[in-house]
Amino acid sequence: MNRRPRSDRFGIIVAVLGGLFVALATALVVLLISRDDGGPTTTAAAGTTVADTTAPPSSTTETTTTTTGPTSTTTTATTTAATSSTTTAATSSTTTPPLTGDLLDKAAPAQGSPAGRLAGIRSAAHSGYARLVFDFPAGGIPGYRIGYTSPTTLTVILYPIDWGRPFDPGIFNSEHYHPVATGSITAVRDAGLGGGSAEWVFEIVVTSQKPFLVSTLDGPPRIYVDIGD
């Protein structure tokens, strides 16, 4: 057997080692490329914020998406629209009809069987006029004649009235006045005996001559006089 020269053996060893080195380097390059191309991609998702859930039903939702490289961020904003409710209250106005009185004298005969005396005097303010009430005991309503005898005096003549007891105690003060001070009425004055049989006179003192009306009611029996303000 012929032996190869030492130089040939050395060249073969170098060639084999060089091939192994090239193969190893190639494997490393392939591995690195594989890791860069096939690696997992991580996407960070931003949280979604929801507006106050106690807001009124009327709301508008706006969504904005921002993309930067591999990461997308989604933001949800809720805009609440305030609902305005306007209520218009109906205004009702009540118009009081004017007093249907005048300046003329009024008169009426007796009704039933009058007791013959005045039991009390009352007054009340109304819209546009004042009411003066003459109360009588049960049985009937005296006849009356009522009219102006001066610009500030409305004279009331009642009949039949008992001259011995024409009215109950406490109605008039020591000066024969019953203070009123309601509307245009200042007072009622006891004017004493009338000109006819069983007549008694009362005077309604007013601030000035005003239209008036007169009527009667029962239970208790009474005459009322409405005088304009």
C-alpha atoms as a PDB file:
ATOM      1  CA  MET A   1       0.000   0.000   0.000  1.00  0.00           C
ATOM      2  CA  ASN A   2       1.242   3.432  -0.964  1.00  0.00           C
ATOM      3  CA  ARG A   3       1.169   6.044   1.737  1.00  0.00           C
ATOM      4  CA  ARG A   4      -0.003   9.552   0.810  1.00  0.00           C
ATOM      5  CA  PRO A   5       2.274  12.347   1.492  1.00  0.00           C
ATOM      6  CA  ARG A   6       1.785  14.224   4.737  1.00  0.00           C
ATOM      7  CA  SER A   7       0.875  17.384   2.877  1.00  0.00           C
ATOM      8  CA  ASP A   8      -2.099  15.712   1.159  1.00  0.00           C
ATOM      9  CA  ARG A   9      -3.472  14.495   4.479  1.00  0.00           C
ATOM     10  CA  PHE A  10      -3.281  17.987   5.936  1.00  0.00           C
ATOM     11  CA  GLY A  11      -5.160  19.496   3.028  1.00  0.00           C
ATOM     12  CA  ILE A  12      -7.978  17.000   3.389  1.00  0.00           C
ATOM     13  CA  ILE A  13      -8.337  17.772   7.114  1.00  0.00           C
ATOM     14  CA  VAL A  14      -8.473  21.481   6.415  1.00  0.00           C
ATOM     15  CA  ALA A  15     -11.132  20.989   3.731  1.00  0.00           C
ATOM     16  CA  VAL A  16     -13.306  18.882   6.050  1.00  0.00           C
ATOM     17  CA  LEU A  17     -13.043  21.402   8.887  1.00  0.00           C
ATOM     18  CA  GLY A  18     -13.847  24.256   6.524  1.00  0.00           C
ATOM     19  CA  GLY A  19     -16.955  22.447   5.318  1.00  0.00           C
ATOM     20  CA  LEU A  20     -18.132  21.856   8.884  1.00  0.00           C
ATOM     21  CA  PHE A  21     -17.577  25.516   9.714  1.00  0.00           C
ATOM     22  CA  VAL A  22     -19.570  26.678   6.675  1.00  0.00           C
ATOM     23  CA  ALA A  23     -22.413  24.269   7.534  1.00  0.00           C
ATOM     24  CA  LEU A  24     -22.526  25.511  11.159  1.00  0.00           C
ATOM     25  CA  ALA A  25     -22.563  29.152  10.094  1.00  0.00           C
ATOM     26  CA  THR A  26     -25.365  28.478   7.617  1.00  0.00           C
ATOM     27  CA  ALA A  27     -27.454  26.756  10.315  1.00  0.00           C
ATOM     28  CA  LEU A  28     -27.002  29.741  12.672  1.00  0.00           C
ATOM     29  CA  VAL A  29     -28.078  32.226   9.997  1.00  0.00           C
ATOM     30  CA  VAL A  30     -31.188  30.159   9.164  1.00  0.00           C
ATOM     31  CA  LEU A  31     -32.123  29.933  12.850  1.00  0.00           C
ATOM     32  CA  LEU A  32     -31.804  33.682  13.389  1.00  0.00           C
ATOM     33  CA  ILE A  33     -33.899  34.496  10.306  1.00  0.00           C
ATOM     34  CA  SER A  34     -36.548  32.000  11.401  1.00  0.00           C
ATOM     35  CA  ARG A  35     -36.837  33.590  14.849  1.00  0.00           C
ATOM     36  CA  ASP A  36     -37.251  37.122  13.424  1.00  0.00           C
ATOM     37  CA  ASP A  37     -39.944  36.180  10.861  1.00  0.00           C
ATOM     38  CA  GLY A  38     -42.043  33.670  12.839  1.00  0.00           C
ATOM     39  CA  GLY A  39     -41.982  35.204  16.326  1.00  0.00           C
ATOM     40  CA  PRO A  40     -45.271  36.067  18.067  1.00  0.00           C
ATOM     41  CA  THR A  41     -46.646  39.588  17.722  1.00  0.00           C
ATOM     42  CA  THR A  42     -48.045  41.149  20.875  1.00  0.00           C
ATOM     43  CA  THR A  43     -50.844  43.707  20.602  1.00  0.00           C
ATOM     44  CA  ALA A  44     -51.639  45.836  23.641  1.00  0.00           C
ATOM     45  CA  ALA A  45     -55.355  46.530  23.891  1.00  0.00           C
ATOM     46  CA  ALA A  46     -56.364  49.712  25.626  1.00  0.00           C
ATOM     47  CA  GLY A  47     -59.166  49.583  28.139  1.00  0.00           C
ATOM     48  CA  THR A  48     -62.594  50.921  27.278  1.00  0.00           C
ATOM     49  CA  THR A  49     -63.956  53.650  29.518  1.00  0.00           C
ATOM     50  CA  VAL A  50     -67.758  53.923  29.941  1.00  0.00           C
ATOM     51  CA  ALA A  51     -69.328  57.187  31.001  1.00  0.00           C
ATOM     52  CA  ASP A  52     -71.397  57.645  34.174  1.00  0.00           C
ATOM     53  CA  THR A  53     -74.275  55.127  34.069  1.00  0.00           C
ATOM     54  CA  THR A  54     -76.473  57.470  36.078  1.00  0.00           C
ATOM     55  CA  ALA A  55     -76.726  59.940  33.195  1.00  0.00           C
ATOM     56  CA  PRO A  56     -80.170  60.643  31.694  1.00  0.00           C
ATOM     57  CA  PRO A  57     -81.432  58.361  28.906  1.00  0.00           C
ATOM     58  CA  SER A  58     -80.517  60.809  26.135  1.00  0.00           C
ATOM     59  CA  SER A  59     -76.784  60.189  25.306  1.00  0.00           C
ATOM     60  CA  THR A  60     -74.404  60.026  22.296  1.00  0.00           C
ATOM     61  CA  THR A  61     -71.465  57.537  22.140  1.00  0.00           C
ATOM     62  CA  GLU A  62     -68.330  58.517  20.185  1.00  0.00           C
ATOM     63  CA  THR A  63     -65.618  55.927  19.378  1.00  0.00           C
ATOM     64  CA  THR A  64     -62.078  56.937  18.321  1.00  0.00           C
ATOM     65  CA  THR A  65     -59.490  54.345  17.148  1.00  0.00           C
ATOM     66  CA  THR A  66     -55.800  55.307  17.052  1.00  0.00           C
ATOM     67  CA  THR A  67     -53.297  52.923  15.397  1.00  0.00           C
ATOM     68  CA  THR A  68     -49.581  53.259  16.052  1.00  0.00           C
ATOM     69  CA  GLY A  69     -47.482  50.458  14.544  1.00  0.00           C
ATOM     70  CA  PRO A  70     -48.764  47.092  15.732  1.00  0.00           C
ATOM     71  CA  THR A  71     -50.729  48.595  18.647  1.00  0.00           C
ATOM     72  CA  SER A  72     -54.330  49.864  18.325  1.00  0.00           C
ATOM     73  CA  THR A  73     -56.007  51.939  21.066  1.00  0.00           C
ATOM     74  CA  THR A  74     -59.797  52.287  21.167  1.00  0.00           C
ATOM     75  CA  THR A  75     -61.348  55.033  23.326  1.00  0.00           C
ATOM     76  CA  THR A  76     -65.112  55.254  23.886  1.00  0.00           C
ATOM     77  CA  ALA A  77     -66.514  58.573  25.093  1.00  0.00           C
ATOM     78  CA  THR A  78     -70.130  59.072  26.081  1.00  0.00           C
ATOM     79  CA  THR A  79     -71.627  62.534  25.670  1.00  0.00           C
ATOM     80  CA  THR A  80     -74.847  63.143  27.568  1.00  0.00           C
ATOM     81  CA  ALA A  81     -77.370  65.587  26.182  1.00  0.00           C
ATOM     82  CA  ALA A  82     -79.397  67.384  28.839  1.00  0.00           C
ATOM     83  CA  THR A  83     -83.111  67.345  28.229  1.00  0.00           C
ATOM     84  CA  SER A  84     -84.804  70.621  28.978  1.00  0.00           C
ATOM     85  CA  SER A  85     -88.490  70.533  29.785  1.00  0.00           C
ATOM     86  CA  THR A  86     -90.407  73.788  29.705  1.00  0.00           C
ATOM     87  CA  THR A  87     -93.827  73.902  31.330  1.00  0.00           C
ATOM     88  CA  THR A  88     -96.127  76.776  30.626  1.00  0.00           C
ATOM     89  CA  ALA A  89     -98.700  77.226  33.326  1.00  0.00           C
ATOM     90  CA  ALA A  90    -102.087  78.308  32.172  1.00  0.00           C
ATOM     91  CA  THR A  91    -103.047  81.573  33.801  1.00  0.00           C
ATOM     92  CA  SER A  92    -106.666  81.830  34.652  1.00  0.00           C
ATOM     93  CA  SER A  93    -108.102  85.208  35.423  1.00  0.00           C
ATOM     94  CA  THR A  94    -111.411  85.646  37.157  1.00  0.00           C
ATOM     95  CA  THR A  95    -113.301  88.824  36.365  1.00  0.00           C
ATOM     96  CA  THR A  96    -115.817  89.918  38.959  1.00  0.00           C
ATOM     97  CA  PRO A  97    -118.892  91.414  37.315  1.00  0.00           C
ATOM     98  CA  PRO A  98    -119.467  95.044  38.260  1.00  0.00           C
ATOM     99  CA  LEU A  99    -122.007  95.894  40.949  1.00  0.00           C
ATOM    100  CA  THR A 100    -125.402  96.160  39.255  1.00  0.00           C
ATOM    101  CA  GLY A 101    -126.563  98.914  41.601  1.00  0.00           C
ATOM    102  CA  ASP A 102    -127.557 102.547  41.100  1.00  0.00           C
ATOM    103  CA  LEU A 103    -128.330 105.688  43.116  1.00  0.00           C
ATOM    104  CA  LEU A 104    -132.124 105.276  43.087  1.00  0.00           C
ATOM    105  CA  ASP A 105    -134.234 104.676  46.225  1.00  0.00           C
ATOM    106  CA  LYS A 106    -135.260 101.062  46.983  1.00  0.00           C
ATOM    107  CA  ALA A 107    -138.346  99.846  48.857  1.00  0.00           C
ATOM    108  CA  ALA A 108    -140.183  96.603  49.685  1.00  0.00           C
ATOM    109  CA  PRO A 109    -143.070  95.614  52.018  1.00  0.00           C
ATOM    110  CA  ALA A 110    -142.759  93.438  55.118  1.00  0.00           C
ATOM    111  CA  GLN A 111    -142.427  89.668  54.662  1.00  0.00           C
ATOM    112  CA  GLY A 112    -144.004  87.200  57.115  1.00  0.00           C
ATOM    113  CA  SER A 113    -144.556  88.312  60.695  1.00  0.00           C
ATOM    114  CA  PRO A 114    -141.541  90.433  61.721  1.00  0.00           C
ATOM    115  CA  ALA A 115    -140.555  90.377  65.399  1.00  0.00           C
ATOM    116  CA  GLY A 116    -140.163  94.148  65.326  1.00  0.00           C
ATOM    117  CA  ARG A 117    -136.508  94.566  66.270  1.00  0.00           C
ATOM    118  CA  LEU A 118    -132.995  94.505  64.837  1.00  0.00           C
ATOM    119  CA  ALA A 119    -130.937  91.534  66.100  1.00  0.00           C
ATOM    120  CA  GLY A 120    -127.517  92.394  64.683  1.00  0.00           C
ATOM    121  CA  ILE A 121    -125.400  94.123  62.023  1.00  0.00           C
ATOM    122  CA  ARG A 122    -122.669  92.442  59.985  1.00  0.00           C
ATOM    123  CA  SER A 123    -120.361  93.597  57.184  1.00  0.00           C
ATOM    124  CA  ALA A 124    -117.987  91.985  54.684  1.00  0.00           C
ATOM    125  CA  ALA A 125    -115.673  93.195  51.921  1.00  0.00           C
ATOM    126  CA  HIS A 126    -116.089  91.808  48.394  1.00  0.00           C
ATOM    127  CA  SER A 127    -114.358  92.547  45.111  1.00  0.00           C
ATOM    128  CA  GLY A 128    -115.694  95.960  44.052  1.00  0.00           C
ATOM    129  CA  TYR A 129    -118.199  96.422  46.847  1.00  0.00           C
ATOM    130  CA  ALA A 130    -118.938  96.070  50.567  1.00  0.00           C
ATOM    131  CA  ARG A 131    -121.958  94.243  52.000  1.00  0.00           C
ATOM    132  CA  LEU A 132    -123.881  95.410  55.068  1.00  0.00           C
ATOM    133  CA  VAL A 133    -126.348  92.918  56.610  1.00  0.00           C
ATOM    134  CA  PHE A 134    -129.234  93.693  59.000  1.00  0.00           C
ATOM    135  CA  ASP A 135    -130.219  90.514  60.908  1.00  0.00           C
ATOM    136  CA  PHE A 136    -133.689  89.985  62.447  1.00  0.00           C
ATOM    137  CA  PRO A 137    -135.232  87.318  64.738  1.00  0.00           C
ATOM    138  CA  ALA A 138    -137.199  84.455  63.215  1.00  0.00           C
ATOM    139  CA  GLY A 139    -140.679  85.263  61.983  1.00  0.00           C
ATOM    140  CA  GLY A 140    -140.262  87.656  59.100  1.00  0.00           C
ATOM    141  CA  ILE A 141    -138.449  90.573  57.484  1.00  0.00           C
ATOM    142  CA  PRO A 142    -139.547  94.197  58.091  1.00  0.00           C
ATOM    143  CA  GLY A 143    -140.504  96.406  55.190  1.00  0.00           C
ATOM    144  CA  TYR A 144    -137.910  98.995  54.131  1.00  0.00           C
ATOM    145  CA  ARG A 145    -137.300 102.250  52.271  1.00  0.00           C
ATOM    146  CA  ILE A 146    -133.657 102.978  51.536  1.00  0.00           C
ATOM    147  CA  GLY A 147    -132.117 105.940  49.717  1.00  0.00           C
ATOM    148  CA  TYR A 148    -129.551 108.747  49.866  1.00  0.00           C
ATOM    149  CA  THR A 149    -130.499 111.775  51.968  1.00  0.00           C
ATOM    150  CA  SER A 150    -127.007 113.326  51.570  1.00  0.00           C
ATOM    151  CA  PRO A 151    -123.831 112.488  49.578  1.00  0.00           C
ATOM    152  CA  THR A 152    -122.470 110.568  52.599  1.00  0.00           C
ATOM    153  CA  THR A 153    -125.695 109.251  54.174  1.00  0.00           C
ATOM    154  CA  LEU A 154    -127.766 106.294  52.958  1.00  0.00           C
ATOM    155  CA  THR A 155    -130.924 106.326  55.092  1.00  0.00           C
ATOM    156  CA  VAL A 156    -132.659 103.039  56.001  1.00  0.00           C
ATOM    157  CA  ILE A 157    -136.278 103.177  57.297  1.00  0.00           C
ATOM    158  CA  LEU A 158    -137.607  99.863  58.712  1.00  0.00           C
ATOM    159  CA  TYR A 159    -141.203  98.968  59.713  1.00  0.00           C
ATOM    160  CA  PRO A 160    -142.892  97.620  61.751  1.00  0.00           C
ATOM    161  CA  ILE A 161    -140.355  98.133  64.571  1.00  0.00           C
ATOM    162  CA  ASP A 162    -141.157  98.050  68.290  1.00  0.00           C
ATOM    163  CA  TRP A 163    -140.473 101.580  69.542  1.00  0.00           C
ATOM    164  CA  GLY A 164    -139.930 100.261  73.070  1.00  0.00           C
ATOM    165  CA  ARG A 165    -137.200  97.832  71.959  1.00  0.00           C
ATOM    166  CA  PRO A 166    -136.070  98.657  68.376  1.00  0.00           C
ATOM    167  CA  PHE A 167    -132.765  96.670  68.561  1.00  0.00           C
ATOM    168  CA  ASP A 168    -130.889  94.251  70.799  1.00  0.00           C
ATOM    169  CA  PRO A 169    -128.348  95.588  73.312  1.00  0.00           C
ATOM    170  CA  GLY A 170    -124.690  95.825  72.247  1.00  0.00           C
ATOM    171  CA  ILE A 171    -125.284  96.696  68.592  1.00  0.00           C
ATOM    172  CA  PHE A 172    -124.545 100.433  69.026  1.00  0.00           C
ATOM    173  CA  ASN A 173    -122.041 102.185  71.284  1.00  0.00           C
ATOM    174  CA  SER A 174    -122.839 105.006  73.675  1.00  0.00           C
ATOM    175  CA  GLU A 175    -122.739 107.495  70.815  1.00  0.00           C
ATOM    176  CA  HIS A 176    -125.340 105.443  68.875  1.00  0.00           C
ATOM    177  CA  TYR A 177    -122.785 104.292  66.303  1.00  0.00           C
ATOM    178  CA  HIS A 178    -121.923 100.849  65.003  1.00  0.00           C
ATOM    179  CA  PRO A 179    -118.381 101.140  63.498  1.00  0.00           C
ATOM    180  CA  VAL A 180    -117.898  99.312  60.188  1.00  0.00           C
ATOM    181  CA  ALA A 181    -114.866 100.632  58.199  1.00  0.00           C
ATOM    182  CA  THR A 182    -115.406  98.171  55.333  1.00  0.00           C
ATOM    183  CA  GLY A 183    -115.001  99.389  51.748  1.00  0.00           C
ATOM    184  CA  SER A 184    -116.775 102.730  51.376  1.00  0.00           C
ATOM    185  CA  ILE A 185    -118.893 102.127  54.516  1.00  0.00           C
ATOM    186  CA  THR A 186    -117.744 103.983  57.620  1.00  0.00           C
ATOM    187  CA  ALA A 187    -120.445 103.179  60.195  1.00  0.00           C
ATOM    188  CA  VAL A 188    -124.148 102.664  60.891  1.00  0.00           C
ATOM    189  CA  ARG A 189    -125.870 105.240  63.083  1.00  0.00           C
ATOM    190  CA  ASP A 190    -129.053 104.873  65.206  1.00  0.00           C
ATOM    191  CA  ALA A 191    -131.180 107.813  64.015  1.00  0.00           C
ATOM    192  CA  GLY A 192    -134.297 107.121  66.166  1.00  0.00           C
ATOM    193  CA  LEU A 193    -138.005 107.259  65.364  1.00  0.00           C
ATOM    194  CA  GLY A 194    -139.243 107.556  61.800  1.00  0.00           C
ATOM    195  CA  GLY A 195    -142.017 109.821  60.553  1.00  0.00           C
ATOM    196  CA  GLY A 196    -144.663 107.079  60.298  1.00  0.00           C
ATOM    197  CA  SER A 197    -146.166 104.659  62.796  1.00  0.00           C
ATOM    198  CA  ALA A 198    -143.782 101.880  64.002  1.00  0.00           C
ATOM    199  CA  GLU A 199    -140.909 103.171  61.826  1.00  0.00           C
ATOM    200  CA  TRP A 200    -137.280 103.300  62.949  1.00  0.00           C
ATOM    201  CA  VAL A 201    -134.410 104.992  61.116  1.00  0.00           C
ATOM    202  CA  PHE A 202    -130.810 103.810  60.688  1.00  0.00           C
ATOM    203  CA  GLU A 203    -128.254 105.751  58.670  1.00  0.00           C
ATOM    204  CA  ILE A 204    -125.398 104.119  56.747  1.00  0.00           C
ATOM    205  CA  VAL A 205    -122.449 106.539  56.719  1.00  0.00           C
ATOM    206  CA  VAL A 206    -120.348 106.261  53.518  1.00  0.00           C
ATOM    207  CA  THR A 207    -117.234 108.001  52.214  1.00  0.00           C
ATOM    208  CA  SER A 208    -119.112 109.275  49.144  1.00  0.00           C
ATOM    209  CA  GLN A 209    -122.260 108.583  47.174  1.00  0.00           C
ATOM    210  CA  LYS A 210    -121.901 105.137  45.533  1.00  0.00           C
ATOM    211  CA  PRO A 211    -124.250 102.872  43.547  1.00  0.00           C
ATOM    212  CA  PHE A 212    -126.047 100.359  45.766  1.00  0.00           C
ATOM    213  CA  LEU A 213    -128.533  97.497  45.647  1.00  0.00           C
ATOM    214  CA  VAL A 214    -130.793  95.929  48.289  1.00  0.00           C
ATOM    215  CA  SER A 215    -132.175  92.401  48.694  1.00  0.00           C
ATOM    216  CA  THR A 216    -133.408  89.970  51.357  1.00  0.00           C
ATOM    217  CA  LEU A 217    -132.589  86.429  52.503  1.00  0.00           C
ATOM    218  CA  ASP A 218    -134.132  84.032  55.003  1.00  0.00           C
ATOM    219  CA  GLY A 219    -132.625  81.736  57.685  1.00  0.00           C
ATOM    220  CA  PRO A 220    -132.074  84.005  59.552  1.00  0.00           C
ATOM    221  CA  PRO A 221    -134.291  86.737  58.125  1.00  0.00           C
ATOM    222  CA  ARG A 222    -132.093  89.571  56.875  1.00  0.00           C
ATOM    223  CA  ILE A 223    -131.809  92.581  54.593  1.00  0.00           C
ATOM    224  CA  TYR A 224    -128.478  93.158  52.877  1.00  0.00           C
ATOM    225  CA  VAL A 225    -127.205  96.318  51.214  1.00  0.00           C
ATOM    226  CA  ASP A 226    -124.327  96.139  48.705  1.00  0.00           C
ATOM    227  CA  ILE A 227    -122.510  99.452  48.235  1.00  0.00           C
ATOM    228  CA  GLY A 228    -119.843 100.052  45.580  1.00  0.00           C
ATOM    229  CA  ASP A 229    -116.270 100.842  46.633  1.00  0.00           C
END
